[in-house]
Amino acid sequence: MATNTAVLIVAGEAPGLERAREVALDAKLVVAADRGAEYALAWGLRCDAIVGDLDSIAKETLEYFDAMGTEIVRMIDQDRNDFEKSLAWLLLRFTGEVRILGMTGRRTDHTLANFSVMLRYADEFERLVAFEETAEHWFLTEARSDCEIECPTKTTISLTPFGIAEGITTENLRYLLDRNTLEFGIREGLSNVSIGNPVRISIERGALLVSRILRP
């Protein structure tokens, strides 16, 4: 039975097959941002829609998914990248948890731009999480200001402010924060470590990227 999750596949660095299928298990919707469809094909995943300007996807891949009944959505918009176009398309149809594959890696400028897009849409969905092979990332914002992380002790948790994140409070992390401020270019919370379970993190103002590192 499909869960209230959607998977969005982007054309960054791809996790392995096992990780991808684990993330996509029982998803209600699977959407590819342009060349992300190449990963869906390689992983043997269905693809409900392919969204973007479609300038990077192989003709054979597009024809394959078209024959499979995939919705092909061409969007020509130079002010938004294919990741943002896909999120905007998805938001009109789904507001549950979105799991993103292939959002990071390859080009650093693309990764930074994708995190910026992710932050813009962080409050629009029930949850927006980027999955890598060895990490997971999500934002805390003023509207979604706290999280609880179930994890073994000695799990690495990094806290990266986007701009300024104020009033950060943590529980069960080795390096305690108690209404502290982190600021991009000034101070960040790299490689903190869990000392108990669950880890709790909250902020009062700004935006904070939380990264759970699954293994070094």
N, C-alpha and C. Protein backbone atom coordinates (compact mmCIF):
# COMPACT_ATOMS: atom_id res chain seq x y z
N MET A 1 0.85 -1.20 0.00
CA MET A 1 0.00 0.00 0.00
C MET A 1 0.88 1.24 0.00
N ALA A 2 0.58 2.21 -0.84
CA ALA A 2 1.38 3.42 -0.94
C ALA A 2 1.29 4.24 0.34
N THR A 3 2.43 4.77 0.76
CA THR A 3 2.47 5.63 1.93
C THR A 3 2.31 7.08 1.49
N ASN A 4 2.19 7.98 2.47
CA ASN A 4 2.03 9.39 2.13
C ASN A 4 3.40 10.03 1.91
N THR A 5 4.15 9.45 0.99
CA THR A 5 5.44 10.00 0.61
C THR A 5 5.52 10.08 -0.91
N ALA A 6 6.32 11.03 -1.36
CA ALA A 6 6.65 11.13 -2.78
C ALA A 6 8.16 11.14 -2.89
N VAL A 7 8.67 10.68 -4.01
CA VAL A 7 10.11 10.68 -4.27
C VAL A 7 10.38 11.59 -5.47
N LEU A 8 11.36 12.46 -5.31
CA LEU A 8 11.77 13.34 -6.39
C LEU A 8 13.24 13.04 -6.71
N ILE A 9 13.51 12.66 -7.94
CA ILE A 9 14.85 12.25 -8.35
C ILE A 9 15.49 13.36 -9.18
N VAL A 10 16.64 13.84 -8.70
CA VAL A 10 17.37 14.93 -9.34
C VAL A 10 18.66 14.34 -9.90
N ALA A 11 19.30 15.04 -10.83
CA ALA A 11 20.44 14.48 -11.55
C ALA A 11 21.79 14.85 -10.95
N GLY A 12 21.87 14.89 -9.62
CA GLY A 12 23.16 15.08 -8.96
C GLY A 12 23.87 13.76 -8.81
N GLU A 13 24.57 13.57 -7.69
CA GLU A 13 25.27 12.32 -7.45
C GLU A 13 24.29 11.28 -6.94
N ALA A 14 24.23 10.15 -7.61
CA ALA A 14 23.22 9.14 -7.29
C ALA A 14 23.67 8.24 -6.16
N PRO A 15 22.80 7.95 -5.20
CA PRO A 15 23.11 6.89 -4.23
C PRO A 15 23.04 5.53 -4.91
N GLY A 16 23.45 4.50 -4.20
CA GLY A 16 23.42 3.17 -4.76
C GLY A 16 22.01 2.63 -4.92
N LEU A 17 21.90 1.54 -5.63
CA LEU A 17 20.61 0.93 -5.93
C LEU A 17 19.84 0.58 -4.66
N GLU A 18 20.49 -0.04 -3.70
CA GLU A 18 19.80 -0.46 -2.47
C GLU A 18 19.24 0.73 -1.72
N ARG A 19 20.05 1.79 -1.60
CA ARG A 19 19.60 3.00 -0.91
C ARG A 19 18.43 3.64 -1.64
N ALA A 20 18.53 3.75 -2.96
CA ALA A 20 17.47 4.37 -3.75
C ALA A 20 16.16 3.62 -3.60
N ARG A 21 16.20 2.31 -3.68
CA ARG A 21 14.98 1.53 -3.57
C ARG A 21 14.41 1.58 -2.16
N GLU A 22 15.28 1.66 -1.16
CA GLU A 22 14.82 1.80 0.22
C GLU A 22 14.05 3.11 0.40
N VAL A 23 14.60 4.20 -0.13
CA VAL A 23 13.96 5.51 -0.01
C VAL A 23 12.64 5.55 -0.78
N ALA A 24 12.60 4.89 -1.94
CA ALA A 24 11.43 4.95 -2.81
C ALA A 24 10.35 3.92 -2.46
N LEU A 25 10.62 3.07 -1.49
CA LEU A 25 9.69 1.99 -1.17
C LEU A 25 8.30 2.52 -0.84
N ASP A 26 7.30 2.01 -1.53
CA ASP A 26 5.89 2.32 -1.29
C ASP A 26 5.53 3.80 -1.48
N ALA A 27 6.30 4.53 -2.26
CA ALA A 27 5.99 5.94 -2.48
C ALA A 27 4.69 6.09 -3.28
N LYS A 28 3.94 7.11 -2.93
CA LYS A 28 2.69 7.39 -3.65
C LYS A 28 2.98 7.94 -5.04
N LEU A 29 4.02 8.76 -5.16
CA LEU A 29 4.40 9.37 -6.43
C LEU A 29 5.92 9.30 -6.59
N VAL A 30 6.38 9.06 -7.80
CA VAL A 30 7.80 9.14 -8.12
C VAL A 30 7.93 10.10 -9.30
N VAL A 31 8.68 11.18 -9.07
CA VAL A 31 8.82 12.24 -10.07
C VAL A 31 10.30 12.43 -10.36
N ALA A 32 10.66 12.61 -11.61
CA ALA A 32 12.05 12.87 -12.00
C ALA A 32 12.17 14.28 -12.53
N ALA A 33 13.21 14.97 -12.08
CA ALA A 33 13.54 16.28 -12.62
C ALA A 33 14.48 16.08 -13.81
N ASP A 34 13.92 16.17 -15.02
CA ASP A 34 14.68 16.04 -16.26
C ASP A 34 15.56 14.79 -16.25
N ARG A 35 16.90 14.97 -16.23
CA ARG A 35 17.82 13.85 -16.36
C ARG A 35 17.79 12.90 -15.16
N GLY A 36 17.10 13.28 -14.10
CA GLY A 36 16.90 12.36 -12.99
C GLY A 36 16.19 11.09 -13.44
N ALA A 37 15.47 11.18 -14.55
CA ALA A 37 14.78 9.99 -15.09
C ALA A 37 15.77 8.91 -15.50
N GLU A 38 17.00 9.29 -15.83
CA GLU A 38 18.01 8.29 -16.16
C GLU A 38 18.29 7.40 -14.95
N TYR A 39 18.29 7.99 -13.76
CA TYR A 39 18.49 7.21 -12.54
C TYR A 39 17.29 6.29 -12.29
N ALA A 40 16.09 6.83 -12.48
CA ALA A 40 14.89 6.01 -12.28
C ALA A 40 14.94 4.77 -13.17
N LEU A 41 15.38 4.95 -14.41
CA LEU A 41 15.49 3.83 -15.35
C LEU A 41 16.55 2.84 -14.88
N ALA A 42 17.71 3.35 -14.46
CA ALA A 42 18.79 2.48 -14.01
C ALA A 42 18.41 1.70 -12.75
N TRP A 43 17.62 2.33 -11.86
CA TRP A 43 17.22 1.69 -10.61
C TRP A 43 16.01 0.77 -10.79
N GLY A 44 15.38 0.81 -11.95
CA GLY A 44 14.19 0.00 -12.16
C GLY A 44 12.97 0.54 -11.44
N LEU A 45 12.92 1.86 -11.23
CA LEU A 45 11.78 2.48 -10.56
C LEU A 45 10.76 2.97 -11.58
N ARG A 46 9.51 2.92 -11.20
CA ARG A 46 8.50 3.55 -12.03
C ARG A 46 8.71 5.07 -11.96
N CYS A 47 8.15 5.79 -12.90
CA CYS A 47 8.26 7.25 -12.90
C CYS A 47 6.89 7.78 -13.30
N ASP A 48 6.22 8.44 -12.38
CA ASP A 48 4.88 8.96 -12.66
C ASP A 48 4.91 10.22 -13.51
N ALA A 49 5.98 11.00 -13.37
CA ALA A 49 6.10 12.22 -14.17
C ALA A 49 7.57 12.58 -14.33
N ILE A 50 7.89 13.18 -15.47
CA ILE A 50 9.21 13.77 -15.72
C ILE A 50 8.97 15.25 -15.98
N VAL A 51 9.63 16.10 -15.20
CA VAL A 51 9.37 17.55 -15.26
C VAL A 51 10.67 18.29 -15.54
N GLY A 52 10.62 19.29 -16.41
CA GLY A 52 11.79 20.12 -16.67
C GLY A 52 11.80 20.62 -18.10
N ASP A 53 12.92 21.22 -18.49
CA ASP A 53 12.99 21.67 -19.88
C ASP A 53 13.36 20.53 -20.83
N LEU A 54 13.71 19.39 -20.26
CA LEU A 54 13.94 18.14 -21.00
C LEU A 54 15.08 18.25 -22.01
N ASP A 55 16.09 19.05 -21.67
CA ASP A 55 17.22 19.21 -22.57
C ASP A 55 18.38 18.30 -22.23
N SER A 56 18.27 17.56 -21.11
CA SER A 56 19.40 16.74 -20.65
C SER A 56 19.10 15.24 -20.68
N ILE A 57 17.88 14.88 -20.87
CA ILE A 57 17.49 13.48 -20.83
C ILE A 57 17.67 12.85 -22.22
N ALA A 58 18.11 11.61 -22.24
CA ALA A 58 18.28 10.91 -23.52
C ALA A 58 16.93 10.68 -24.19
N LYS A 59 16.92 10.79 -25.51
CA LYS A 59 15.68 10.60 -26.27
C LYS A 59 15.10 9.21 -26.01
N GLU A 60 15.97 8.20 -25.91
CA GLU A 60 15.50 6.83 -25.70
C GLU A 60 14.84 6.67 -24.33
N THR A 61 15.39 7.37 -23.34
CA THR A 61 14.81 7.30 -21.99
C THR A 61 13.44 7.95 -21.98
N LEU A 62 13.34 9.10 -22.63
CA LEU A 62 12.06 9.80 -22.69
C LEU A 62 11.02 8.96 -23.42
N GLU A 63 11.42 8.33 -24.50
CA GLU A 63 10.49 7.48 -25.26
C GLU A 63 10.06 6.27 -24.44
N TYR A 64 11.00 5.71 -23.68
CA TYR A 64 10.68 4.55 -22.84
C TYR A 64 9.60 4.91 -21.82
N PHE A 65 9.81 6.00 -21.09
CA PHE A 65 8.84 6.36 -20.06
C PHE A 65 7.53 6.84 -20.66
N ASP A 66 7.59 7.50 -21.80
CA ASP A 66 6.35 7.91 -22.48
C ASP A 66 5.52 6.69 -22.83
N ALA A 67 6.17 5.63 -23.31
CA ALA A 67 5.46 4.39 -23.64
C ALA A 67 4.91 3.70 -22.39
N MET A 68 5.52 3.95 -21.24
CA MET A 68 5.07 3.36 -19.98
C MET A 68 3.94 4.16 -19.35
N GLY A 69 3.54 5.26 -19.98
CA GLY A 69 2.43 6.06 -19.47
C GLY A 69 2.85 7.18 -18.53
N THR A 70 4.14 7.45 -18.46
CA THR A 70 4.64 8.55 -17.62
C THR A 70 4.18 9.89 -18.17
N GLU A 71 3.76 10.78 -17.28
CA GLU A 71 3.37 12.13 -17.71
C GLU A 71 4.65 12.92 -18.01
N ILE A 72 4.74 13.48 -19.18
CA ILE A 72 5.91 14.26 -19.59
C ILE A 72 5.53 15.74 -19.53
N VAL A 73 6.20 16.49 -18.67
CA VAL A 73 5.84 17.89 -18.42
C VAL A 73 7.02 18.78 -18.81
N ARG A 74 6.91 19.41 -19.96
CA ARG A 74 7.98 20.30 -20.42
C ARG A 74 7.73 21.71 -19.88
N MET A 75 8.68 22.24 -19.13
CA MET A 75 8.59 23.61 -18.60
C MET A 75 9.81 24.40 -19.05
N ILE A 76 9.59 25.42 -19.86
CA ILE A 76 10.67 26.30 -20.30
C ILE A 76 10.63 27.54 -19.42
N ASP A 77 11.57 27.63 -18.50
CA ASP A 77 11.59 28.74 -17.54
C ASP A 77 13.03 28.90 -17.06
N GLN A 78 13.71 29.92 -17.56
CA GLN A 78 15.12 30.11 -17.23
C GLN A 78 15.34 30.64 -15.82
N ASP A 79 14.28 31.06 -15.14
CA ASP A 79 14.43 31.58 -13.78
C ASP A 79 14.36 30.48 -12.72
N ARG A 80 14.03 29.26 -13.12
CA ARG A 80 13.96 28.14 -12.17
C ARG A 80 14.71 26.95 -12.73
N ASN A 81 15.46 26.25 -11.87
CA ASN A 81 16.10 25.04 -12.36
C ASN A 81 15.10 23.88 -12.35
N ASP A 82 15.50 22.75 -12.88
CA ASP A 82 14.56 21.62 -13.02
C ASP A 82 14.10 21.09 -11.68
N PHE A 83 14.94 21.18 -10.67
CA PHE A 83 14.55 20.77 -9.33
C PHE A 83 13.39 21.62 -8.82
N GLU A 84 13.49 22.94 -8.96
CA GLU A 84 12.42 23.81 -8.50
C GLU A 84 11.15 23.63 -9.33
N LYS A 85 11.30 23.45 -10.63
CA LYS A 85 10.13 23.21 -11.48
C LYS A 85 9.39 21.95 -11.01
N SER A 86 10.15 20.93 -10.65
CA SER A 86 9.54 19.67 -10.21
C SER A 86 8.84 19.83 -8.87
N LEU A 87 9.46 20.58 -7.96
CA LEU A 87 8.80 20.83 -6.67
C LEU A 87 7.51 21.62 -6.86
N ALA A 88 7.55 22.62 -7.72
CA ALA A 88 6.35 23.43 -7.97
C ALA A 88 5.24 22.58 -8.58
N TRP A 89 5.59 21.72 -9.52
CA TRP A 89 4.60 20.82 -10.13
C TRP A 89 4.04 19.86 -9.08
N LEU A 90 4.92 19.32 -8.26
CA LEU A 90 4.51 18.36 -7.24
C LEU A 90 3.60 18.99 -6.20
N LEU A 91 3.89 20.24 -5.83
CA LEU A 91 3.12 20.92 -4.78
C LEU A 91 1.65 21.08 -5.14
N LEU A 92 1.33 21.13 -6.41
CA LEU A 92 -0.06 21.25 -6.84
C LEU A 92 -0.82 19.94 -6.68
N ARG A 93 -0.09 18.85 -6.41
CA ARG A 93 -0.71 17.52 -6.37
C ARG A 93 -0.47 16.77 -5.06
N PHE A 94 0.47 17.25 -4.26
CA PHE A 94 0.90 16.47 -3.11
C PHE A 94 1.57 17.39 -2.09
N THR A 95 1.22 17.21 -0.80
CA THR A 95 1.83 18.05 0.24
C THR A 95 2.38 17.24 1.41
N GLY A 96 2.51 15.91 1.22
CA GLY A 96 3.04 15.06 2.28
C GLY A 96 4.55 15.13 2.35
N GLU A 97 5.19 14.03 2.73
CA GLU A 97 6.65 13.98 2.83
C GLU A 97 7.26 13.73 1.46
N VAL A 98 8.22 14.58 1.08
CA VAL A 98 8.93 14.42 -0.18
C VAL A 98 10.36 14.00 0.12
N ARG A 99 10.78 12.88 -0.46
CA ARG A 99 12.13 12.36 -0.30
C ARG A 99 12.89 12.62 -1.59
N ILE A 100 14.00 13.32 -1.47
CA ILE A 100 14.76 13.76 -2.65
C ILE A 100 16.01 12.90 -2.80
N LEU A 101 16.21 12.37 -3.98
CA LEU A 101 17.41 11.60 -4.32
C LEU A 101 18.21 12.36 -5.37
N GLY A 102 19.54 12.35 -5.25
CA GLY A 102 20.39 12.96 -6.26
C GLY A 102 20.40 14.47 -6.24
N MET A 103 20.11 15.08 -5.08
CA MET A 103 20.06 16.55 -5.00
C MET A 103 21.44 17.17 -4.84
N THR A 104 22.39 16.41 -4.29
CA THR A 104 23.71 16.94 -3.97
C THR A 104 24.77 16.29 -4.86
N GLY A 105 25.99 16.76 -4.73
CA GLY A 105 27.12 16.15 -5.43
C GLY A 105 27.32 16.68 -6.83
N ARG A 106 28.33 16.12 -7.49
CA ARG A 106 28.75 16.52 -8.84
C ARG A 106 29.24 17.97 -8.85
N ARG A 107 28.38 18.96 -9.03
CA ARG A 107 28.80 20.35 -9.06
C ARG A 107 28.39 21.06 -7.79
N THR A 108 29.36 21.70 -7.13
CA THR A 108 29.09 22.40 -5.87
C THR A 108 28.09 23.53 -6.07
N ASP A 109 28.19 24.27 -7.18
CA ASP A 109 27.25 25.37 -7.41
C ASP A 109 25.82 24.86 -7.54
N HIS A 110 25.64 23.71 -8.20
CA HIS A 110 24.31 23.12 -8.30
C HIS A 110 23.80 22.69 -6.92
N THR A 111 24.69 22.10 -6.13
CA THR A 111 24.29 21.65 -4.79
C THR A 111 23.83 22.83 -3.94
N LEU A 112 24.59 23.92 -3.95
CA LEU A 112 24.21 25.09 -3.17
C LEU A 112 22.89 25.68 -3.65
N ALA A 113 22.72 25.76 -4.97
CA ALA A 113 21.46 26.26 -5.53
C ALA A 113 20.30 25.36 -5.13
N ASN A 114 20.52 24.05 -5.13
CA ASN A 114 19.44 23.12 -4.77
C ASN A 114 19.07 23.24 -3.30
N PHE A 115 20.05 23.46 -2.43
CA PHE A 115 19.71 23.69 -1.01
C PHE A 115 18.91 24.98 -0.86
N SER A 116 19.24 25.99 -1.65
CA SER A 116 18.47 27.24 -1.62
C SER A 116 17.03 27.00 -2.03
N VAL A 117 16.83 26.23 -3.10
CA VAL A 117 15.48 25.88 -3.54
C VAL A 117 14.77 25.06 -2.47
N MET A 118 15.46 24.11 -1.90
CA MET A 118 14.88 23.26 -0.86
C MET A 118 14.38 24.10 0.31
N LEU A 119 15.16 25.12 0.69
CA LEU A 119 14.74 26.00 1.78
C LEU A 119 13.48 26.77 1.41
N ARG A 120 13.40 27.24 0.16
CA ARG A 120 12.21 27.99 -0.27
C ARG A 120 10.93 27.16 -0.14
N TYR A 121 11.05 25.85 -0.33
CA TYR A 121 9.87 24.98 -0.30
C TYR A 121 9.74 24.19 1.00
N ALA A 122 10.63 24.44 1.96
CA ALA A 122 10.66 23.61 3.17
C ALA A 122 9.35 23.64 3.96
N ASP A 123 8.66 24.77 3.94
CA ASP A 123 7.42 24.89 4.71
C ASP A 123 6.18 24.51 3.92
N GLU A 124 6.36 24.18 2.64
CA GLU A 124 5.20 23.89 1.78
C GLU A 124 4.74 22.44 1.89
N PHE A 125 5.66 21.58 2.27
CA PHE A 125 5.34 20.15 2.38
C PHE A 125 5.37 19.72 3.84
N GLU A 126 4.75 18.60 4.10
CA GLU A 126 4.78 18.04 5.45
C GLU A 126 6.22 17.82 5.92
N ARG A 127 7.05 17.37 5.01
CA ARG A 127 8.48 17.18 5.29
C ARG A 127 9.22 17.12 3.96
N LEU A 128 10.41 17.70 3.93
CA LEU A 128 11.23 17.72 2.73
C LEU A 128 12.62 17.27 3.14
N VAL A 129 13.04 16.09 2.66
CA VAL A 129 14.30 15.49 3.11
C VAL A 129 15.13 15.08 1.90
N ALA A 130 16.41 15.48 1.89
CA ALA A 130 17.33 15.06 0.84
C ALA A 130 18.14 13.87 1.34
N PHE A 131 18.17 12.81 0.55
CA PHE A 131 18.87 11.58 0.92
C PHE A 131 20.11 11.41 0.06
N GLU A 132 21.24 11.15 0.72
CA GLU A 132 22.45 10.72 0.04
C GLU A 132 22.71 9.27 0.44
N GLU A 133 23.78 8.70 -0.08
CA GLU A 133 24.14 7.34 0.30
C GLU A 133 24.42 7.24 1.79
N THR A 134 25.06 8.26 2.36
CA THR A 134 25.48 8.18 3.77
C THR A 134 24.98 9.33 4.62
N ALA A 135 23.97 10.06 4.16
CA ALA A 135 23.48 11.21 4.94
C ALA A 135 22.05 11.56 4.57
N GLU A 136 21.42 12.31 5.48
CA GLU A 136 20.08 12.86 5.24
C GLU A 136 20.09 14.31 5.70
N HIS A 137 19.39 15.18 4.97
CA HIS A 137 19.40 16.61 5.26
C HIS A 137 17.97 17.16 5.24
N TRP A 138 17.67 18.05 6.18
CA TRP A 138 16.39 18.76 6.16
C TRP A 138 16.56 20.09 6.88
N PHE A 139 15.62 21.00 6.66
CA PHE A 139 15.69 22.33 7.25
C PHE A 139 14.75 22.48 8.44
N LEU A 140 15.24 23.22 9.44
CA LEU A 140 14.36 23.79 10.45
C LEU A 140 14.17 25.26 10.11
N THR A 141 12.92 25.71 10.21
CA THR A 141 12.58 27.10 9.92
C THR A 141 11.73 27.63 11.07
N GLU A 142 11.36 28.88 10.99
CA GLU A 142 10.50 29.44 12.04
C GLU A 142 9.14 28.75 12.05
N ALA A 143 8.67 28.32 10.89
CA ALA A 143 7.39 27.62 10.82
C ALA A 143 7.50 26.15 11.22
N ARG A 144 8.63 25.52 10.92
CA ARG A 144 8.91 24.12 11.28
C ARG A 144 10.16 24.15 12.15
N SER A 145 9.99 24.50 13.41
CA SER A 145 11.12 24.97 14.22
C SER A 145 11.78 23.90 15.08
N ASP A 146 11.31 22.67 15.04
CA ASP A 146 11.93 21.66 15.90
C ASP A 146 11.87 20.29 15.24
N CYS A 147 12.76 19.41 15.68
CA CYS A 147 12.75 18.04 15.20
C CYS A 147 13.26 17.11 16.28
N GLU A 148 12.91 15.86 16.15
CA GLU A 148 13.35 14.80 17.06
C GLU A 148 13.95 13.69 16.22
N ILE A 149 15.19 13.32 16.51
CA ILE A 149 15.92 12.36 15.69
C ILE A 149 16.17 11.09 16.49
N GLU A 150 15.60 10.00 16.03
CA GLU A 150 15.89 8.70 16.63
C GLU A 150 17.18 8.16 16.00
N CYS A 151 18.19 7.97 16.83
CA CYS A 151 19.47 7.53 16.28
C CYS A 151 20.32 6.89 17.37
N PRO A 152 21.25 6.01 16.99
CA PRO A 152 22.17 5.42 17.97
C PRO A 152 23.09 6.50 18.54
N THR A 153 23.64 6.25 19.72
CA THR A 153 24.64 7.16 20.25
C THR A 153 25.86 7.16 19.33
N LYS A 154 26.58 8.27 19.35
CA LYS A 154 27.76 8.50 18.51
C LYS A 154 27.40 8.75 17.05
N THR A 155 26.12 9.05 16.79
CA THR A 155 25.74 9.47 15.44
C THR A 155 26.18 10.91 15.21
N THR A 156 26.77 11.18 14.06
CA THR A 156 27.21 12.54 13.74
C THR A 156 26.02 13.37 13.24
N ILE A 157 25.84 14.54 13.85
CA ILE A 157 24.79 15.47 13.48
C ILE A 157 25.44 16.82 13.23
N SER A 158 25.28 17.37 12.04
CA SER A 158 25.83 18.69 11.73
C SER A 158 24.70 19.70 11.59
N LEU A 159 24.97 20.92 12.06
CA LEU A 159 24.00 22.01 12.02
C LEU A 159 24.61 23.17 11.24
N THR A 160 24.00 23.50 10.11
CA THR A 160 24.53 24.55 9.24
C THR A 160 23.50 25.66 9.08
N PRO A 161 23.81 26.87 9.54
CA PRO A 161 22.85 27.97 9.37
C PRO A 161 22.82 28.44 7.92
N PHE A 162 21.64 28.77 7.44
CA PHE A 162 21.52 29.43 6.14
C PHE A 162 21.16 30.87 6.43
N GLY A 163 22.19 31.75 6.33
CA GLY A 163 22.06 33.09 6.88
C GLY A 163 22.34 32.99 8.38
N ILE A 164 21.38 33.44 9.18
CA ILE A 164 21.51 33.38 10.64
C ILE A 164 20.41 32.49 11.20
N ALA A 165 20.78 31.61 12.11
CA ALA A 165 19.81 30.80 12.85
C ALA A 165 19.98 31.14 14.33
N GLU A 166 18.93 31.62 14.95
CA GLU A 166 19.01 32.12 16.32
C GLU A 166 18.17 31.26 17.26
N GLY A 167 18.56 31.29 18.54
CA GLY A 167 17.81 30.57 19.55
C GLY A 167 17.86 29.07 19.37
N ILE A 168 19.02 28.55 18.99
CA ILE A 168 19.16 27.11 18.76
C ILE A 168 19.36 26.39 20.09
N THR A 169 18.53 25.40 20.34
CA THR A 169 18.62 24.61 21.56
C THR A 169 18.68 23.13 21.17
N THR A 170 19.59 22.41 21.79
CA THR A 170 19.73 20.98 21.49
C THR A 170 19.65 20.15 22.76
N GLU A 171 19.31 18.89 22.56
CA GLU A 171 19.27 17.92 23.66
C GLU A 171 19.88 16.61 23.16
N ASN A 172 20.71 16.02 23.99
CA ASN A 172 21.39 14.75 23.68
C ASN A 172 22.44 14.87 22.59
N LEU A 173 23.05 16.07 22.46
CA LEU A 173 24.24 16.25 21.64
C LEU A 173 25.42 16.60 22.56
N ARG A 174 26.60 16.13 22.19
CA ARG A 174 27.78 16.32 23.04
C ARG A 174 28.07 17.79 23.26
N TYR A 175 28.01 18.58 22.17
CA TYR A 175 28.29 20.01 22.28
C TYR A 175 26.95 20.73 22.35
N LEU A 176 26.56 21.03 23.56
CA LEU A 176 25.21 21.54 23.84
C LEU A 176 25.05 22.97 23.33
N LEU A 177 23.91 23.23 22.74
CA LEU A 177 23.53 24.59 22.38
C LEU A 177 22.30 24.95 23.20
N ASP A 178 22.32 26.12 23.78
CA ASP A 178 21.21 26.58 24.63
C ASP A 178 20.86 28.00 24.22
N ARG A 179 19.95 28.10 23.27
CA ARG A 179 19.51 29.37 22.70
C ARG A 179 20.69 30.13 22.08
N ASN A 180 21.57 29.39 21.42
CA ASN A 180 22.74 29.96 20.76
C ASN A 180 22.42 30.39 19.33
N THR A 181 23.34 31.18 18.77
CA THR A 181 23.21 31.65 17.39
C THR A 181 24.32 31.05 16.53
N LEU A 182 23.97 30.56 15.36
CA LEU A 182 24.93 30.16 14.35
C LEU A 182 24.71 31.05 13.13
N GLU A 183 25.81 31.39 12.44
CA GLU A 183 25.70 32.29 11.30
C GLU A 183 26.63 31.83 10.19
N PHE A 184 26.10 31.75 8.99
CA PHE A 184 26.90 31.32 7.84
C PHE A 184 28.08 32.27 7.65
N GLY A 185 29.28 31.71 7.55
CA GLY A 185 30.48 32.53 7.42
C GLY A 185 31.06 32.97 8.74
N ILE A 186 30.37 32.71 9.83
CA ILE A 186 30.84 33.10 11.16
C ILE A 186 31.01 31.89 12.07
N ARG A 187 29.97 31.13 12.22
CA ARG A 187 30.02 29.96 13.10
C ARG A 187 28.98 28.95 12.66
N GLU A 188 29.38 27.69 12.61
CA GLU A 188 28.45 26.60 12.29
C GLU A 188 28.65 25.48 13.31
N GLY A 189 27.79 24.47 13.22
CA GLY A 189 27.85 23.36 14.18
C GLY A 189 28.21 22.06 13.49
N LEU A 190 29.42 21.98 12.97
CA LEU A 190 29.85 20.82 12.20
C LEU A 190 30.19 19.64 13.12
N SER A 191 29.73 18.46 12.72
CA SER A 191 30.13 17.19 13.34
C SER A 191 29.93 17.13 14.84
N ASN A 192 28.73 17.53 15.28
CA ASN A 192 28.34 17.26 16.66
C ASN A 192 28.05 15.76 16.76
N VAL A 193 27.91 15.24 17.98
CA VAL A 193 27.76 13.80 18.17
C VAL A 193 26.66 13.52 19.19
N SER A 194 25.79 12.58 18.87
CA SER A 194 24.71 12.23 19.79
C SER A 194 25.26 11.46 20.99
N ILE A 195 24.72 11.78 22.17
CA ILE A 195 25.12 11.08 23.40
C ILE A 195 23.92 10.41 24.05
N GLY A 196 22.78 10.51 23.44
CA GLY A 196 21.55 9.89 23.95
C GLY A 196 20.52 9.87 22.84
N ASN A 197 19.38 9.28 23.14
CA ASN A 197 18.35 9.11 22.13
C ASN A 197 16.98 9.41 22.76
N PRO A 198 16.15 10.24 22.09
CA PRO A 198 16.38 10.88 20.80
C PRO A 198 17.15 12.19 20.93
N VAL A 199 17.71 12.65 19.83
CA VAL A 199 18.28 13.99 19.74
C VAL A 199 17.16 14.97 19.42
N ARG A 200 17.13 16.08 20.14
CA ARG A 200 16.12 17.11 19.88
C ARG A 200 16.82 18.42 19.53
N ILE A 201 16.29 19.08 18.52
CA ILE A 201 16.87 20.35 18.05
C ILE A 201 15.72 21.31 17.78
N SER A 202 15.89 22.57 18.21
CA SER A 202 14.87 23.58 17.91
C SER A 202 15.55 24.92 17.65
N ILE A 203 14.86 25.77 16.91
CA ILE A 203 15.34 27.13 16.67
C ILE A 203 14.20 28.11 16.92
N GLU A 204 14.58 29.37 17.13
CA GLU A 204 13.57 30.42 17.33
C GLU A 204 13.40 31.28 16.09
N ARG A 205 14.52 31.56 15.40
CA ARG A 205 14.45 32.40 14.20
C ARG A 205 15.48 31.93 13.18
N GLY A 206 15.16 32.19 11.90
CA GLY A 206 16.10 31.87 10.83
C GLY A 206 15.89 30.49 10.25
N ALA A 207 16.95 29.96 9.65
CA ALA A 207 16.88 28.66 8.99
C ALA A 207 18.14 27.86 9.30
N LEU A 208 17.96 26.60 9.63
CA LEU A 208 19.06 25.73 10.03
C LEU A 208 18.97 24.41 9.28
N LEU A 209 20.03 24.05 8.57
CA LEU A 209 20.10 22.77 7.90
C LEU A 209 20.62 21.73 8.88
N VAL A 210 19.82 20.68 9.09
CA VAL A 210 20.21 19.57 9.96
C VAL A 210 20.66 18.41 9.07
N SER A 211 21.85 17.90 9.35
CA SER A 211 22.39 16.77 8.57
C SER A 211 22.70 15.62 9.51
N ARG A 212 22.07 14.48 9.24
CA ARG A 212 22.37 13.26 9.99
C ARG A 212 23.28 12.40 9.12
N ILE A 213 24.47 12.12 9.64
CA ILE A 213 25.45 11.33 8.90
C ILE A 213 25.30 9.87 9.32
N LEU A 214 24.97 9.02 8.38
CA LEU A 214 24.67 7.63 8.71
C LEU A 214 25.93 6.82 8.95
N ARG A 215 26.98 7.16 8.22
CA ARG A 215 28.29 6.54 8.45
C ARG A 215 29.35 7.42 7.81
N PRO A 216 30.59 7.40 8.34
CA PRO A 216 31.64 8.29 7.83
C PRO A 216 31.92 8.02 6.36
